[in-house]
Amino acid sequence: MLSAERLLCYGADEGAGALGLESWADVAVNLEHRSLRGVEGDIFSALVWGCGADVLVRA
């Protein structure tokens, strides 16, 4: 079984290549987003299984 952190790494490291892109823009997580309210500790799991892409903002 893969951890949420490992899944995020695969997506970040391999995602652009899988889409035929050489790179993509850096993003940051908006920890104040309503989808992440109440999340304490394991933010990686919340990002993989508990929220949409709208928690990401341009870095």
Protein backbone atom coordinates (compact mmCIF):
# COMPACT_ATOMS: atom_id res chain seq x y z
CA MET A 1 0.00 0.00 0.00
CA LEU A 2 1.28 3.47 -0.87
CA SER A 3 1.14 6.38 1.54
CA ALA A 4 -0.56 9.63 0.60
CA GLU A 5 2.83 11.35 0.65
CA ARG A 6 4.22 8.81 -1.85
CA LEU A 7 1.17 9.23 -4.13
CA LEU A 8 1.67 13.01 -4.12
CA CYS A 9 5.34 12.53 -5.02
CA TYR A 10 4.45 10.25 -7.92
CA GLY A 11 1.91 12.77 -9.17
CA ALA A 12 4.32 15.68 -8.88
CA ASP A 13 7.36 13.86 -10.25
CA GLU A 14 5.74 11.81 -12.99
CA GLY A 15 2.53 13.69 -13.73
CA ALA A 16 3.90 16.24 -16.20
CA GLY A 17 5.79 13.56 -18.11
CA ALA A 18 2.71 11.35 -18.29
CA LEU A 19 0.88 14.27 -19.89
CA GLY A 20 3.68 14.89 -22.37
CA LEU A 21 4.85 18.08 -20.63
CA GLU A 22 8.45 18.87 -19.79
CA SER A 23 7.39 20.74 -16.65
CA TRP A 24 4.52 22.59 -15.05
CA ALA A 25 4.13 25.61 -12.82
CA ASP A 26 4.82 25.32 -9.09
CA VAL A 27 1.80 25.50 -6.82
CA ALA A 28 1.22 26.04 -3.12
CA VAL A 29 -1.50 24.66 -0.88
CA ASN A 30 -3.93 27.18 0.54
CA LEU A 31 -4.14 25.78 4.07
CA GLU A 32 -6.93 28.25 4.86
CA HIS A 33 -9.22 26.81 2.15
CA ARG A 34 -12.61 25.65 3.41
CA SER A 35 -11.95 22.09 2.19
CA LEU A 36 -9.02 21.82 4.59
CA ARG A 37 -10.71 23.26 7.67
CA GLY A 38 -10.23 21.04 10.67
CA VAL A 39 -7.41 19.02 9.11
CA GLU A 40 -4.64 18.56 11.61
CA GLY A 41 -1.45 16.65 11.05
CA ASP A 42 -1.73 14.57 7.87
CA ILE A 43 -2.29 17.20 5.22
CA PHE A 44 -1.07 14.75 2.54
CA SER A 45 -4.08 12.46 3.06
CA ALA A 46 -6.45 15.41 2.86
CA LEU A 47 -4.86 16.50 -0.42
CA VAL A 48 -5.06 13.04 -1.98
CA TRP A 49 -8.45 11.88 -0.72
CA GLY A 50 -10.36 14.79 0.74
CA CYS A 51 -10.37 17.91 -1.42
CA GLY A 52 -10.44 19.32 -4.92
CA ALA A 53 -7.83 21.10 -6.97
CA ASP A 54 -9.15 24.50 -5.86
CA VAL A 55 -7.00 24.24 -2.71
CA LEU A 56 -3.95 24.83 -4.92
CA VAL A 57 -2.72 28.32 -5.81
CA ARG A 58 0.14 29.51 -7.99
CA ALA A 59 3.40 29.67 -6.08
